[in-house]
Amino acid sequence: MFDNHQDIYFAVVGDVHGHIYKMIGLLQNWENYSGQKLTFILQVGDFEPHRNEADLATMDAPTKYRKLGDFPDFYEQRSIFPWPIWFIGGNHEPYGF
């Protein structure tokens, strides 16, 4: 999968809570600052990939915290992730999906 002589850089990210564009901006800033390219992202929970209002209904959180974030843009392919993302689910994911 990876060349034995290739450096692998990855970010571990958590608690995005639907603010995907903010996460991408911060990671792209790191790439620009460091001069390195990320190979992948490990998302360790509370990403909140809610596609729609129905997904929000399956979220384990008080109603006042159920907000549709940026994920519909990615789900509907209006935007794309710059890197592969591997997930570990948190307690605020849409488990009905």
Protein backbone atom coordinates (compact mmCIF):
# COMPACT_ATOMS: atom_id res chain seq x y z
CA MET A 1 0.00 0.00 0.00
CA PHE A 2 2.78 2.44 0.88
CA ASP A 3 6.29 2.60 -0.54
CA ASN A 4 8.78 1.61 2.19
CA HIS A 5 10.68 4.87 1.62
CA GLN A 6 7.67 7.16 1.64
CA ASP A 7 7.00 9.33 4.67
CA ILE A 8 3.45 9.04 5.96
CA TYR A 9 1.84 12.03 7.59
CA PHE A 10 -1.61 11.81 9.08
CA ALA A 11 -3.76 13.86 11.39
CA VAL A 12 -5.85 12.59 14.28
CA VAL A 13 -8.98 14.73 14.53
CA GLY A 14 -11.93 14.60 16.89
CA ASP A 15 -14.97 16.60 17.92
CA VAL A 16 -15.51 18.21 14.52
CA HIS A 17 -19.25 18.41 15.31
CA GLY A 18 -20.23 19.05 11.70
CA HIS A 19 -17.70 21.85 11.08
CA ILE A 20 -15.98 20.00 8.23
CA TYR A 21 -14.86 23.07 6.28
CA LYS A 22 -13.16 24.40 9.42
CA MET A 23 -11.39 21.04 9.90
CA ILE A 24 -10.22 21.04 6.27
CA GLY A 25 -8.98 24.63 6.55
CA LEU A 26 -6.97 23.89 9.68
CA LEU A 27 -5.41 20.79 8.13
CA GLN A 28 -4.60 22.60 4.88
CA ASN A 29 -2.97 25.36 6.95
CA TRP A 30 -0.80 22.71 8.60
CA GLU A 31 0.18 21.34 5.17
CA ASN A 32 1.09 24.82 3.95
CA TYR A 33 3.06 25.65 7.11
CA SER A 34 4.91 22.34 7.31
CA GLY A 35 5.44 21.79 3.58
CA GLN A 36 4.20 18.21 4.07
CA LYS A 37 1.18 16.50 2.54
CA LEU A 38 -1.19 14.47 4.69
CA THR A 39 -1.67 10.86 3.60
CA PHE A 40 -4.94 10.35 5.49
CA ILE A 41 -7.04 11.59 8.40
CA LEU A 42 -8.05 9.48 11.41
CA GLN A 43 -11.33 10.89 12.73
CA VAL A 44 -11.78 9.66 16.30
CA GLY A 45 -15.36 10.57 17.05
CA ASP A 46 -18.08 13.19 16.98
CA PHE A 47 -17.60 14.02 13.31
CA GLU A 48 -21.40 14.29 12.96
CA PRO A 49 -21.84 13.19 9.34
CA HIS A 50 -25.55 14.00 9.27
CA ARG A 51 -26.97 13.88 5.75
CA ASN A 52 -30.30 15.48 6.59
CA GLU A 53 -32.78 16.28 9.36
CA ALA A 54 -33.80 12.60 9.62
CA ASP A 55 -30.22 11.70 10.58
CA LEU A 56 -30.30 14.33 13.32
CA ALA A 57 -33.24 12.53 14.91
CA THR A 58 -30.98 9.49 15.51
CA MET A 59 -28.25 11.54 17.21
CA ASP A 60 -27.77 10.88 20.92
CA ALA A 61 -27.83 14.49 22.12
CA PRO A 62 -30.33 17.03 23.46
CA THR A 63 -32.43 18.64 20.73
CA LYS A 64 -30.74 22.04 21.19
CA TYR A 65 -27.43 20.50 20.00
CA ARG A 66 -28.84 18.81 16.91
CA LYS A 67 -27.68 20.99 14.04
CA LEU A 68 -27.08 20.03 10.44
CA GLY A 69 -23.43 20.74 9.70
CA ASP A 70 -21.39 20.75 6.50
CA PHE A 71 -21.65 17.03 5.71
CA PRO A 72 -24.57 17.29 3.21
CA ASP A 73 -22.22 19.14 0.82
CA PHE A 74 -19.88 16.17 0.85
CA TYR A 75 -22.59 13.51 0.81
CA GLU A 76 -24.22 15.16 -2.21
CA GLN A 77 -20.78 15.59 -3.84
CA ARG A 78 -20.87 19.39 -3.99
CA SER A 79 -17.52 19.23 -2.15
CA ILE A 80 -14.88 16.53 -1.77
CA PHE A 81 -12.48 15.62 1.01
CA PRO A 82 -8.85 16.35 0.12
CA TRP A 83 -7.70 13.16 1.89
CA PRO A 84 -9.04 9.71 2.74
CA ILE A 85 -10.72 9.74 6.16
CA TRP A 86 -10.85 6.71 8.46
CA PHE A 87 -13.44 6.79 11.22
CA ILE A 88 -13.92 5.70 14.78
CA GLY A 89 -17.48 6.58 15.74
CA GLY A 90 -18.30 8.82 18.65
CA ASN A 91 -21.48 9.24 20.64
CA HIS A 92 -22.86 12.01 18.37
CA GLU A 93 -22.90 10.12 15.09
CA PRO A 94 -26.13 9.37 13.15
CA TYR A 95 -26.45 5.75 14.19
CA GLY A 96 -29.76 5.39 12.35
CA PHE A 97 -27.81 5.84 9.09
